[in-house]
């Protein structure tokens, strides 16, 4: 949660944004790709 909150604030995300989720879920980059849109509220493109 600390990492995702930092990212949302630092990179100026809004609810109108869209994240392209392309990292395999066995690699931890997928954690922010998946849960930042789902929990903070923007579009997730799989």
ModelCIF file with pLDDT and N, C-alpha, C, O atoms, coordinates in Angstrom:
data_MODEL
#
_entry.id   MODEL 
#
_entity.id                         1 
_entity.type                       polymer 
_entity.pdbx_number_of_molecules   1 
#
_entity_poly.entity_id                      1 
_entity_poly.type                           'polypeptide(L)' 
_entity_poly.nstd_linkage                   no 
_entity_poly.nstd_monomer                   no 
_entity_poly.pdbx_seq_one_letter_code       
;(UNK)(UNK)(UNK)(UNK)(UNK)(UNK)(UNK)(UNK)(UNK)(UNK)(UNK)(UNK)(UNK)(UNK)(UNK)(UNK)
(UNK)(UNK)(UNK)(UNK)(UNK)(UNK)(UNK)(UNK)(UNK)(UNK)(UNK)(UNK)(UNK)(UNK)(UNK)(UNK)
(UNK)(UNK)(UNK)(UNK)(UNK)(UNK)(UNK)(UNK)(UNK)(UNK)(UNK)(UNK)(UNK)(UNK)
;
_entity_poly.pdbx_seq_one_letter_code_can   XXXXXXXXXXXXXXXXXXXXXXXXXXXXXXXXXXXXXXXXXXXXXX 
_entity_poly.pdbx_strand_id                 A 
#
loop_
_entity_poly_seq.entity_id 
_entity_poly_seq.num 
_entity_poly_seq.mon_id 
_entity_poly_seq.hetero 
1 1  UNK n 
1 2  UNK n 
1 3  UNK n 
1 4  UNK n 
1 5  UNK n 
1 6  UNK n 
1 7  UNK n 
1 8  UNK n 
1 9  UNK n 
1 10 UNK n 
1 11 UNK n 
1 12 UNK n 
1 13 UNK n 
1 14 UNK n 
1 15 UNK n 
1 16 UNK n 
1 17 UNK n 
1 18 UNK n 
1 19 UNK n 
1 20 UNK n 
1 21 UNK n 
1 22 UNK n 
1 23 UNK n 
1 24 UNK n 
1 25 UNK n 
1 26 UNK n 
1 27 UNK n 
1 28 UNK n 
1 29 UNK n 
1 30 UNK n 
1 31 UNK n 
1 32 UNK n 
1 33 UNK n 
1 34 UNK n 
1 35 UNK n 
1 36 UNK n 
1 37 UNK n 
1 38 UNK n 
1 39 UNK n 
1 40 UNK n 
1 41 UNK n 
1 42 UNK n 
1 43 UNK n 
1 44 UNK n 
1 45 UNK n 
1 46 UNK n 
#
_struct_asym.id          A 
_struct_asym.entity_id   1 
#
loop_
_ma_qa_metric.id 
_ma_qa_metric.mode 
_ma_qa_metric.name 
_ma_qa_metric.software_group_id 
_ma_qa_metric.type 
1 global pLDDT . pLDDT 
2 local  pLDDT . pLDDT 
#
_ma_qa_metric_global.metric_id      1 
_ma_qa_metric_global.metric_value   96.17 
_ma_qa_metric_global.model_id       1 
_ma_qa_metric_global.ordinal_id     1 
#
loop_
_ma_qa_metric_local.label_asym_id 
_ma_qa_metric_local.label_comp_id 
_ma_qa_metric_local.label_seq_id 
_ma_qa_metric_local.metric_id 
_ma_qa_metric_local.metric_value 
_ma_qa_metric_local.model_id 
_ma_qa_metric_local.ordinal_id 
A UNK 1  2 96.00 1 1  
A UNK 2  2 97.00 1 2  
A UNK 3  2 97.00 1 3  
A UNK 4  2 97.00 1 4  
A UNK 5  2 97.00 1 5  
A UNK 6  2 97.00 1 6  
A UNK 7  2 97.00 1 7  
A UNK 8  2 97.00 1 8  
A UNK 9  2 97.00 1 9  
A UNK 10 2 96.00 1 10 
A UNK 11 2 96.00 1 11 
A UNK 12 2 94.00 1 12 
A UNK 13 2 97.00 1 13 
A UNK 14 2 97.00 1 14 
A UNK 15 2 97.00 1 15 
A UNK 16 2 97.00 1 16 
A UNK 17 2 98.00 1 17 
A UNK 18 2 98.00 1 18 
A UNK 19 2 98.00 1 19 
A UNK 20 2 98.00 1 20 
A UNK 21 2 97.00 1 21 
A UNK 22 2 95.00 1 22 
A UNK 23 2 94.00 1 23 
A UNK 24 2 91.00 1 24 
A UNK 25 2 93.00 1 25 
A UNK 26 2 92.00 1 26 
A UNK 27 2 93.00 1 27 
A UNK 28 2 94.00 1 28 
A UNK 29 2 96.00 1 29 
A UNK 30 2 96.00 1 30 
A UNK 31 2 97.00 1 31 
A UNK 32 2 97.00 1 32 
A UNK 33 2 98.00 1 33 
A UNK 34 2 97.00 1 34 
A UNK 35 2 97.00 1 35 
A UNK 36 2 97.00 1 36 
A UNK 37 2 97.00 1 37 
A UNK 38 2 96.00 1 38 
A UNK 39 2 94.00 1 39 
A UNK 40 2 96.00 1 40 
A UNK 41 2 95.00 1 41 
A UNK 42 2 97.00 1 42 
A UNK 43 2 97.00 1 43 
A UNK 44 2 97.00 1 44 
A UNK 45 2 97.00 1 45 
A UNK 46 2 96.00 1 46 
#
loop_
_atom_site.group_PDB 
_atom_site.id 
_atom_site.type_symbol 
_atom_site.label_atom_id 
_atom_site.label_alt_id 
_atom_site.label_comp_id 
_atom_site.label_asym_id 
_atom_site.label_entity_id 
_atom_site.label_seq_id 
_atom_site.pdbx_PDB_ins_code 
_atom_site.Cartn_x 
_atom_site.Cartn_y 
_atom_site.Cartn_z 
_atom_site.occupancy 
_atom_site.B_iso_or_equiv 
_atom_site.pdbx_formal_charge 
_atom_site.auth_seq_id 
_atom_site.auth_comp_id 
_atom_site.auth_asym_id 
_atom_site.auth_atom_id 
_atom_site.pdbx_PDB_model_num 
ATOM 1   N N  . UNK A 1 1  ? 0.837   -1.206  0.000   1.00 96.00 ? 1  UNK A N  1 
ATOM 2   C CA . UNK A 1 1  ? 0.000   0.000   0.000   1.00 96.00 ? 1  UNK A CA 1 
ATOM 3   C C  . UNK A 1 1  ? 0.872   1.255   0.000   1.00 96.00 ? 1  UNK A C  1 
ATOM 4   O O  . UNK A 1 1  ? 0.566   2.224   -0.696  1.00 96.00 ? 1  UNK A O  1 
ATOM 5   N N  . UNK A 1 2  ? 1.959   1.241   0.780   1.00 97.00 ? 2  UNK A N  1 
ATOM 6   C CA . UNK A 1 2  ? 2.872   2.386   0.791   1.00 97.00 ? 2  UNK A CA 1 
ATOM 7   C C  . UNK A 1 2  ? 3.424   2.655   -0.592  1.00 97.00 ? 2  UNK A C  1 
ATOM 8   O O  . UNK A 1 2  ? 3.471   3.801   -1.039  1.00 97.00 ? 2  UNK A O  1 
ATOM 9   N N  . UNK A 1 3  ? 3.844   1.594   -1.274  1.00 97.00 ? 3  UNK A N  1 
ATOM 10  C CA . UNK A 1 3  ? 4.427   1.737   -2.611  1.00 97.00 ? 3  UNK A CA 1 
ATOM 11  C C  . UNK A 1 3  ? 3.400   2.254   -3.622  1.00 97.00 ? 3  UNK A C  1 
ATOM 12  O O  . UNK A 1 3  ? 3.719   3.118   -4.439  1.00 97.00 ? 3  UNK A O  1 
ATOM 13  N N  . UNK A 1 4  ? 2.169   1.731   -3.574  1.00 97.00 ? 4  UNK A N  1 
ATOM 14  C CA . UNK A 1 4  ? 1.150   2.148   -4.533  1.00 97.00 ? 4  UNK A CA 1 
ATOM 15  C C  . UNK A 1 4  ? 0.700   3.582   -4.284  1.00 97.00 ? 4  UNK A C  1 
ATOM 16  O O  . UNK A 1 4  ? 0.477   4.341   -5.227  1.00 97.00 ? 4  UNK A O  1 
ATOM 17  N N  . UNK A 1 5  ? 0.565   3.954   -2.996  1.00 97.00 ? 5  UNK A N  1 
ATOM 18  C CA . UNK A 1 5  ? 0.173   5.330   -2.672  1.00 97.00 ? 5  UNK A CA 1 
ATOM 19  C C  . UNK A 1 5  ? 1.228   6.314   -3.169  1.00 97.00 ? 5  UNK A C  1 
ATOM 20  O O  . UNK A 1 5  ? 0.897   7.360   -3.729  1.00 97.00 ? 5  UNK A O  1 
ATOM 21  N N  . UNK A 1 6  ? 2.506   5.972   -2.960  1.00 97.00 ? 6  UNK A N  1 
ATOM 22  C CA . UNK A 1 6  ? 3.596   6.816   -3.457  1.00 97.00 ? 6  UNK A CA 1 
ATOM 23  C C  . UNK A 1 6  ? 3.516   6.971   -4.971  1.00 97.00 ? 6  UNK A C  1 
ATOM 24  O O  . UNK A 1 6  ? 3.673   8.074   -5.494  1.00 97.00 ? 6  UNK A O  1 
ATOM 25  N N  . UNK A 1 7  ? 3.273   5.879   -5.668  1.00 97.00 ? 7  UNK A N  1 
ATOM 26  C CA . UNK A 1 7  ? 3.241   5.914   -7.127  1.00 97.00 ? 7  UNK A CA 1 
ATOM 27  C C  . UNK A 1 7  ? 2.073   6.760   -7.652  1.00 97.00 ? 7  UNK A C  1 
ATOM 28  O O  . UNK A 1 7  ? 2.240   7.567   -8.567  1.00 97.00 ? 7  UNK A O  1 
ATOM 29  N N  . UNK A 1 8  ? 0.894   6.563   -7.059  1.00 97.00 ? 8  UNK A N  1 
ATOM 30  C CA . UNK A 1 8  ? -0.288  7.313   -7.502  1.00 97.00 ? 8  UNK A CA 1 
ATOM 31  C C  . UNK A 1 8  ? -0.039  8.815   -7.370  1.00 97.00 ? 8  UNK A C  1 
ATOM 32  O O  . UNK A 1 8  ? -0.367  9.596   -8.264  1.00 97.00 ? 8  UNK A O  1 
ATOM 33  N N  . UNK A 1 9  ? 0.544   9.199   -6.240  1.00 97.00 ? 9  UNK A N  1 
ATOM 34  C CA . UNK A 1 9  ? 0.776   10.619  -5.966  1.00 97.00 ? 9  UNK A CA 1 
ATOM 35  C C  . UNK A 1 9  ? 1.931   11.174  -6.814  1.00 97.00 ? 9  UNK A C  1 
ATOM 36  O O  . UNK A 1 9  ? 1.820   12.261  -7.379  1.00 97.00 ? 9  UNK A O  1 
ATOM 37  N N  . UNK A 1 10 ? 3.026   10.430  -6.898  1.00 96.00 ? 10 UNK A N  1 
ATOM 38  C CA . UNK A 1 10 ? 4.225   10.920  -7.573  1.00 96.00 ? 10 UNK A CA 1 
ATOM 39  C C  . UNK A 1 10 ? 4.021   11.102  -9.071  1.00 96.00 ? 10 UNK A C  1 
ATOM 40  O O  . UNK A 1 10 ? 4.499   12.073  -9.656  1.00 96.00 ? 10 UNK A O  1 
ATOM 41  N N  . UNK A 1 11 ? 3.309   10.166  -9.686  1.00 96.00 ? 11 UNK A N  1 
ATOM 42  C CA . UNK A 1 11 ? 3.135   10.219  -11.138 1.00 96.00 ? 11 UNK A CA 1 
ATOM 43  C C  . UNK A 1 11 ? 1.804   10.828  -11.568 1.00 96.00 ? 11 UNK A C  1 
ATOM 44  O O  . UNK A 1 11 ? 1.422   10.731  -12.734 1.00 96.00 ? 11 UNK A O  1 
ATOM 45  N N  . UNK A 1 12 ? 1.104   11.451  -10.635 1.00 94.00 ? 12 UNK A N  1 
ATOM 46  C CA . UNK A 1 12 ? -0.075  12.226  -10.968 1.00 94.00 ? 12 UNK A CA 1 
ATOM 47  C C  . UNK A 1 12 ? -1.200  11.453  -11.615 1.00 94.00 ? 12 UNK A C  1 
ATOM 48  O O  . UNK A 1 12 ? -1.837  11.946  -12.545 1.00 94.00 ? 12 UNK A O  1 
ATOM 49  N N  . UNK A 1 13 ? -1.457  10.234  -11.132 1.00 97.00 ? 13 UNK A N  1 
ATOM 50  C CA . UNK A 1 13 ? -2.557  9.437   -11.677 1.00 97.00 ? 13 UNK A CA 1 
ATOM 51  C C  . UNK A 1 13 ? -3.892  10.118  -11.408 1.00 97.00 ? 13 UNK A C  1 
ATOM 52  O O  . UNK A 1 13 ? -4.049  10.830  -10.416 1.00 97.00 ? 13 UNK A O  1 
ATOM 53  N N  . UNK A 1 14 ? -4.855  9.889   -12.303 1.00 97.00 ? 14 UNK A N  1 
ATOM 54  C CA . UNK A 1 14 ? -6.240  10.295  -12.095 1.00 97.00 ? 14 UNK A CA 1 
ATOM 55  C C  . UNK A 1 14 ? -7.143  9.113   -12.431 1.00 97.00 ? 14 UNK A C  1 
ATOM 56  O O  . UNK A 1 14 ? -6.685  8.099   -12.959 1.00 97.00 ? 14 UNK A O  1 
ATOM 57  N N  . UNK A 1 15 ? -8.433  9.255   -12.119 1.00 97.00 ? 15 UNK A N  1 
ATOM 58  C CA . UNK A 1 15 ? -9.384  8.185   -12.420 1.00 97.00 ? 15 UNK A CA 1 
ATOM 59  C C  . UNK A 1 15 ? -9.593  7.992   -13.912 1.00 97.00 ? 15 UNK A C  1 
ATOM 60  O O  . UNK A 1 15 ? -10.177 6.990   -14.325 1.00 97.00 ? 15 UNK A O  1 
ATOM 61  N N  . UNK A 1 16 ? -9.127  8.929   -14.727 1.00 97.00 ? 16 UNK A N  1 
ATOM 62  C CA . UNK A 1 16 ? -9.284  8.823   -16.179 1.00 97.00 ? 16 UNK A CA 1 
ATOM 63  C C  . UNK A 1 16 ? -8.121  8.101   -16.851 1.00 97.00 ? 16 UNK A C  1 
ATOM 64  O O  . UNK A 1 16 ? -8.151  7.875   -18.061 1.00 97.00 ? 16 UNK A O  1 
ATOM 65  N N  . UNK A 1 17 ? -7.107  7.740   -16.090 1.00 98.00 ? 17 UNK A N  1 
ATOM 66  C CA . UNK A 1 17 ? -5.914  7.124   -16.664 1.00 98.00 ? 17 UNK A CA 1 
ATOM 67  C C  . UNK A 1 17 ? -6.128  5.637   -16.946 1.00 98.00 ? 17 UNK A C  1 
ATOM 68  O O  . UNK A 1 17 ? -7.095  5.028   -16.486 1.00 98.00 ? 17 UNK A O  1 
ATOM 69  N N  . UNK A 1 18 ? -5.186  5.067   -17.723 1.00 98.00 ? 18 UNK A N  1 
ATOM 70  C CA . UNK A 1 18 ? -5.249  3.653   -18.094 1.00 98.00 ? 18 UNK A CA 1 
ATOM 71  C C  . UNK A 1 18 ? -3.851  3.051   -18.005 1.00 98.00 ? 18 UNK A C  1 
ATOM 72  O O  . UNK A 1 18 ? -2.893  3.601   -18.548 1.00 98.00 ? 18 UNK A O  1 
ATOM 73  N N  . UNK A 1 19 ? -3.745  1.914   -17.315 1.00 98.00 ? 19 UNK A N  1 
ATOM 74  C CA . UNK A 1 19 ? -2.479  1.195   -17.156 1.00 98.00 ? 19 UNK A CA 1 
ATOM 75  C C  . UNK A 1 19 ? -2.505  -0.045  -18.036 1.00 98.00 ? 19 UNK A C  1 
ATOM 76  O O  . UNK A 1 19 ? -3.465  -0.815  -18.004 1.00 98.00 ? 19 UNK A O  1 
ATOM 77  N N  . UNK A 1 20 ? -1.447  -0.240  -18.823 1.00 98.00 ? 20 UNK A N  1 
ATOM 78  C CA . UNK A 1 20 ? -1.338  -1.463  -19.625 1.00 98.00 ? 20 UNK A CA 1 
ATOM 79  C C  . UNK A 1 20 ? -0.661  -2.530  -18.781 1.00 98.00 ? 20 UNK A C  1 
ATOM 80  O O  . UNK A 1 20 ? 0.506   -2.394  -18.413 1.00 98.00 ? 20 UNK A O  1 
ATOM 81  N N  . UNK A 1 21 ? -1.403  -3.600  -18.474 1.00 97.00 ? 21 UNK A N  1 
ATOM 82  C CA . UNK A 1 21 ? -0.884  -4.665  -17.630 1.00 97.00 ? 21 UNK A CA 1 
ATOM 83  C C  . UNK A 1 21 ? -0.306  -5.769  -18.514 1.00 97.00 ? 21 UNK A C  1 
ATOM 84  O O  . UNK A 1 21 ? -1.050  -6.568  -19.082 1.00 97.00 ? 21 UNK A O  1 
ATOM 85  N N  . UNK A 1 22 ? 1.030   -5.810  -18.627 1.00 95.00 ? 22 UNK A N  1 
ATOM 86  C CA . UNK A 1 22 ? 1.656   -6.768  -19.524 1.00 95.00 ? 22 UNK A CA 1 
ATOM 87  C C  . UNK A 1 22 ? 2.763   -7.590  -18.863 1.00 95.00 ? 22 UNK A C  1 
ATOM 88  O O  . UNK A 1 22 ? 3.413   -8.397  -19.527 1.00 95.00 ? 22 UNK A O  1 
ATOM 89  N N  . UNK A 1 23 ? 2.981   -7.390  -17.561 1.00 94.00 ? 23 UNK A N  1 
ATOM 90  C CA . UNK A 1 23 ? 4.030   -8.119  -16.865 1.00 94.00 ? 23 UNK A CA 1 
ATOM 91  C C  . UNK A 1 23 ? 3.474   -9.422  -16.304 1.00 94.00 ? 23 UNK A C  1 
ATOM 92  O O  . UNK A 1 23 ? 2.397   -9.430  -15.707 1.00 94.00 ? 23 UNK A O  1 
ATOM 93  N N  . UNK A 1 24 ? 4.200   -10.525 -16.491 1.00 91.00 ? 24 UNK A N  1 
ATOM 94  C CA . UNK A 1 24 ? 3.760   -11.801 -15.926 1.00 91.00 ? 24 UNK A CA 1 
ATOM 95  C C  . UNK A 1 24 ? 3.546   -11.680 -14.424 1.00 91.00 ? 24 UNK A C  1 
ATOM 96  O O  . UNK A 1 24 ? 4.321   -11.011 -13.741 1.00 91.00 ? 24 UNK A O  1 
ATOM 97  N N  . UNK A 1 25 ? 2.513   -12.314 -13.909 1.00 93.00 ? 25 UNK A N  1 
ATOM 98  C CA . UNK A 1 25 ? 2.159   -12.145 -12.493 1.00 93.00 ? 25 UNK A CA 1 
ATOM 99  C C  . UNK A 1 25 ? 3.113   -12.856 -11.555 1.00 93.00 ? 25 UNK A C  1 
ATOM 100 O O  . UNK A 1 25 ? 2.913   -12.809 -10.341 1.00 93.00 ? 25 UNK A O  1 
ATOM 101 N N  . UNK A 1 26 ? 4.149   -13.518 -12.071 1.00 92.00 ? 26 UNK A N  1 
ATOM 102 C CA . UNK A 1 26 ? 5.195   -14.064 -11.211 1.00 92.00 ? 26 UNK A CA 1 
ATOM 103 C C  . UNK A 1 26 ? 6.334   -13.057 -11.030 1.00 92.00 ? 26 UNK A C  1 
ATOM 104 O O  . UNK A 1 26 ? 7.349   -13.376 -10.411 1.00 92.00 ? 26 UNK A O  1 
ATOM 105 N N  . UNK A 1 27 ? 6.171   -11.858 -11.560 1.00 93.00 ? 27 UNK A N  1 
ATOM 106 C CA . UNK A 1 27 ? 7.165   -10.794 -11.480 1.00 93.00 ? 27 UNK A CA 1 
ATOM 107 C C  . UNK A 1 27 ? 6.496   -9.647  -10.733 1.00 93.00 ? 27 UNK A C  1 
ATOM 108 O O  . UNK A 1 27 ? 5.370   -9.283  -11.069 1.00 93.00 ? 27 UNK A O  1 
ATOM 109 N N  . UNK A 1 28 ? 7.162   -9.056  -9.714  1.00 94.00 ? 28 UNK A N  1 
ATOM 110 C CA . UNK A 1 28 ? 6.446   -8.161  -8.809  1.00 94.00 ? 28 UNK A CA 1 
ATOM 111 C C  . UNK A 1 28 ? 5.998   -6.835  -9.422  1.00 94.00 ? 28 UNK A C  1 
ATOM 112 O O  . UNK A 1 28 ? 5.183   -6.135  -8.821  1.00 94.00 ? 28 UNK A O  1 
ATOM 113 N N  . UNK A 1 29 ? 6.505   -6.470  -10.601 1.00 96.00 ? 29 UNK A N  1 
ATOM 114 C CA . UNK A 1 29 ? 5.978   -5.281  -11.276 1.00 96.00 ? 29 UNK A CA 1 
ATOM 115 C C  . UNK A 1 29 ? 4.473   -5.423  -11.523 1.00 96.00 ? 29 UNK A C  1 
ATOM 116 O O  . UNK A 1 29 ? 3.739   -4.435  -11.535 1.00 96.00 ? 29 UNK A O  1 
ATOM 117 N N  . UNK A 1 30 ? 4.026   -6.676  -11.721 1.00 96.00 ? 30 UNK A N  1 
ATOM 118 C CA . UNK A 1 30 ? 2.601   -6.913  -11.971 1.00 96.00 ? 30 UNK A CA 1 
ATOM 119 C C  . UNK A 1 30 ? 1.737   -6.446  -10.802 1.00 96.00 ? 30 UNK A C  1 
ATOM 120 O O  . UNK A 1 30 ? 0.560   -6.140  -10.991 1.00 96.00 ? 30 UNK A O  1 
ATOM 121 N N  . UNK A 1 31 ? 2.309   -6.388  -9.594  1.00 97.00 ? 31 UNK A N  1 
ATOM 122 C CA . UNK A 1 31 ? 1.526   -6.004  -8.416  1.00 97.00 ? 31 UNK A CA 1 
ATOM 123 C C  . UNK A 1 31 ? 0.991   -4.584  -8.566  1.00 97.00 ? 31 UNK A C  1 
ATOM 124 O O  . UNK A 1 31 ? -0.189  -4.331  -8.325  1.00 97.00 ? 31 UNK A O  1 
ATOM 125 N N  . UNK A 1 32 ? 1.877   -3.642  -8.971  1.00 97.00 ? 32 UNK A N  1 
ATOM 126 C CA . UNK A 1 32 ? 1.353   -2.272  -9.144  1.00 97.00 ? 32 UNK A CA 1 
ATOM 127 C C  . UNK A 1 32 ? 0.506   -2.161  -10.403 1.00 97.00 ? 32 UNK A C  1 
ATOM 128 O O  . UNK A 1 32 ? -0.465  -1.404  -10.424 1.00 97.00 ? 32 UNK A O  1 
ATOM 129 N N  . UNK A 1 33 ? 0.855   -2.903  -11.459 1.00 98.00 ? 33 UNK A N  1 
ATOM 130 C CA . UNK A 1 33 ? 0.052   -2.832  -12.678 1.00 98.00 ? 33 UNK A CA 1 
ATOM 131 C C  . UNK A 1 33 ? -1.396  -3.263  -12.428 1.00 98.00 ? 33 UNK A C  1 
ATOM 132 O O  . UNK A 1 33 ? -2.326  -2.690  -12.996 1.00 98.00 ? 33 UNK A O  1 
ATOM 133 N N  . UNK A 1 34 ? -1.580  -4.265  -11.584 1.00 97.00 ? 34 UNK A N  1 
ATOM 134 C CA . UNK A 1 34 ? -2.917  -4.811  -11.326 1.00 97.00 ? 34 UNK A CA 1 
ATOM 135 C C  . UNK A 1 34 ? -3.642  -4.033  -10.222 1.00 97.00 ? 34 UNK A C  1 
ATOM 136 O O  . UNK A 1 34 ? -4.780  -3.601  -10.409 1.00 97.00 ? 34 UNK A O  1 
ATOM 137 N N  . UNK A 1 35 ? -2.979  -3.855  -9.072  1.00 97.00 ? 35 UNK A N  1 
ATOM 138 C CA . UNK A 1 35 ? -3.698  -3.363  -7.897  1.00 97.00 ? 35 UNK A CA 1 
ATOM 139 C C  . UNK A 1 35 ? -3.786  -1.849  -7.819  1.00 97.00 ? 35 UNK A C  1 
ATOM 140 O O  . UNK A 1 35 ? -4.673  -1.330  -7.141  1.00 97.00 ? 35 UNK A O  1 
ATOM 141 N N  . UNK A 1 36 ? -2.899  -1.120  -8.488  1.00 97.00 ? 36 UNK A N  1 
ATOM 142 C CA . UNK A 1 36 ? -3.066  0.334   -8.491  1.00 97.00 ? 36 UNK A CA 1 
ATOM 143 C C  . UNK A 1 36 ? -4.366  0.736   -9.200  1.00 97.00 ? 36 UNK A C  1 
ATOM 144 O O  . UNK A 1 36 ? -5.124  1.527   -8.639  1.00 97.00 ? 36 UNK A O  1 
ATOM 145 N N  . UNK A 1 37 ? -4.659  0.231   -10.405 1.00 97.00 ? 37 UNK A N  1 
ATOM 146 C CA . UNK A 1 37 ? -5.950  0.548   -11.023 1.00 97.00 ? 37 UNK A CA 1 
ATOM 147 C C  . UNK A 1 37 ? -7.142  0.017   -10.217 1.00 97.00 ? 37 UNK A C  1 
ATOM 148 O O  . UNK A 1 37 ? -8.133  0.727   -10.047 1.00 97.00 ? 37 UNK A O  1 
ATOM 149 N N  . UNK A 1 38 ? -7.056  -1.226  -9.717  1.00 96.00 ? 38 UNK A N  1 
ATOM 150 C CA . UNK A 1 38 ? -8.193  -1.825  -9.027  1.00 96.00 ? 38 UNK A CA 1 
ATOM 151 C C  . UNK A 1 38 ? -8.500  -1.119  -7.709  1.00 96.00 ? 38 UNK A C  1 
ATOM 152 O O  . UNK A 1 38 ? -9.668  -0.941  -7.361  1.00 96.00 ? 38 UNK A O  1 
ATOM 153 N N  . UNK A 1 39 ? -7.472  -0.718  -6.980  1.00 94.00 ? 39 UNK A N  1 
ATOM 154 C CA . UNK A 1 39 ? -7.678  -0.164  -5.634  1.00 94.00 ? 39 UNK A CA 1 
ATOM 155 C C  . UNK A 1 39 ? -7.757  1.365   -5.607  1.00 94.00 ? 39 UNK A C  1 
ATOM 156 O O  . UNK A 1 39 ? -8.455  1.924   -4.761  1.00 94.00 ? 39 UNK A O  1 
ATOM 157 N N  . UNK A 1 40 ? -7.063  2.043   -6.504  1.00 96.00 ? 40 UNK A N  1 
ATOM 158 C CA . UNK A 1 40 ? -7.073  3.508   -6.491  1.00 96.00 ? 40 UNK A CA 1 
ATOM 159 C C  . UNK A 1 40 ? -8.057  4.079   -7.521  1.00 96.00 ? 40 UNK A C  1 
ATOM 160 O O  . UNK A 1 40 ? -8.528  5.207   -7.376  1.00 96.00 ? 40 UNK A O  1 
ATOM 161 N N  . UNK A 1 41 ? -8.363  3.296   -8.554  1.00 95.00 ? 41 UNK A N  1 
ATOM 162 C CA . UNK A 1 41 ? -9.456  3.699   -9.418  1.00 95.00 ? 41 UNK A CA 1 
ATOM 163 C C  . UNK A 1 41 ? -9.107  4.307   -10.755 1.00 95.00 ? 41 UNK A C  1 
ATOM 164 O O  . UNK A 1 41 ? -9.373  5.487   -10.986 1.00 95.00 ? 41 UNK A O  1 
ATOM 165 N N  . UNK A 1 42 ? -8.507  3.511   -11.658 1.00 97.00 ? 42 UNK A N  1 
ATOM 166 C CA . UNK A 1 42 ? -8.376  3.909   -13.060 1.00 97.00 ? 42 UNK A CA 1 
ATOM 167 C C  . UNK A 1 42 ? -8.531  2.641   -13.904 1.00 97.00 ? 42 UNK A C  1 
ATOM 168 O O  . UNK A 1 42 ? -8.761  1.559   -13.363 1.00 97.00 ? 42 UNK A O  1 
ATOM 169 N N  . UNK A 1 43 ? -8.408  2.772   -15.218 1.00 97.00 ? 43 UNK A N  1 
ATOM 170 C CA . UNK A 1 43 ? -8.673  1.618   -16.086 1.00 97.00 ? 43 UNK A CA 1 
ATOM 171 C C  . UNK A 1 43 ? -7.477  0.672   -16.140 1.00 97.00 ? 43 UNK A C  1 
ATOM 172 O O  . UNK A 1 43 ? -6.321  1.095   -16.110 1.00 97.00 ? 43 UNK A O  1 
ATOM 173 N N  . UNK A 1 44 ? -7.788  -0.611  -16.220 1.00 97.00 ? 44 UNK A N  1 
ATOM 174 C CA . UNK A 1 44 ? -6.792  -1.666  -16.331 1.00 97.00 ? 44 UNK A CA 1 
ATOM 175 C C  . UNK A 1 44 ? -6.952  -2.335  -17.695 1.00 97.00 ? 44 UNK A C  1 
ATOM 176 O O  . UNK A 1 44 ? -8.015  -2.875  -18.003 1.00 97.00 ? 44 UNK A O  1 
ATOM 177 N N  . UNK A 1 45 ? -5.899  -2.300  -18.509 1.00 97.00 ? 45 UNK A N  1 
ATOM 178 C CA . UNK A 1 45 ? -5.928  -2.902  -19.843 1.00 97.00 ? 45 UNK A CA 1 
ATOM 179 C C  . UNK A 1 45 ? -5.042  -4.144  -19.815 1.00 97.00 ? 45 UNK A C  1 
ATOM 180 O O  . UNK A 1 45 ? -3.828  -4.047  -19.635 1.00 97.00 ? 45 UNK A O  1 
ATOM 181 N N  . UNK A 1 46 ? -5.663  -5.313  -19.995 1.00 96.00 ? 46 UNK A N  1 
ATOM 182 C CA . UNK A 1 46 ? -4.939  -6.581  -19.893 1.00 96.00 ? 46 UNK A CA 1 
ATOM 183 C C  . UNK A 1 46 ? -4.411  -7.037  -21.246 1.00 96.00 ? 46 UNK A C  1 
ATOM 184 O O  . UNK A 1 46 ? -3.777  -8.088  -21.339 1.00 96.00 ? 46 UNK A O  1 
#
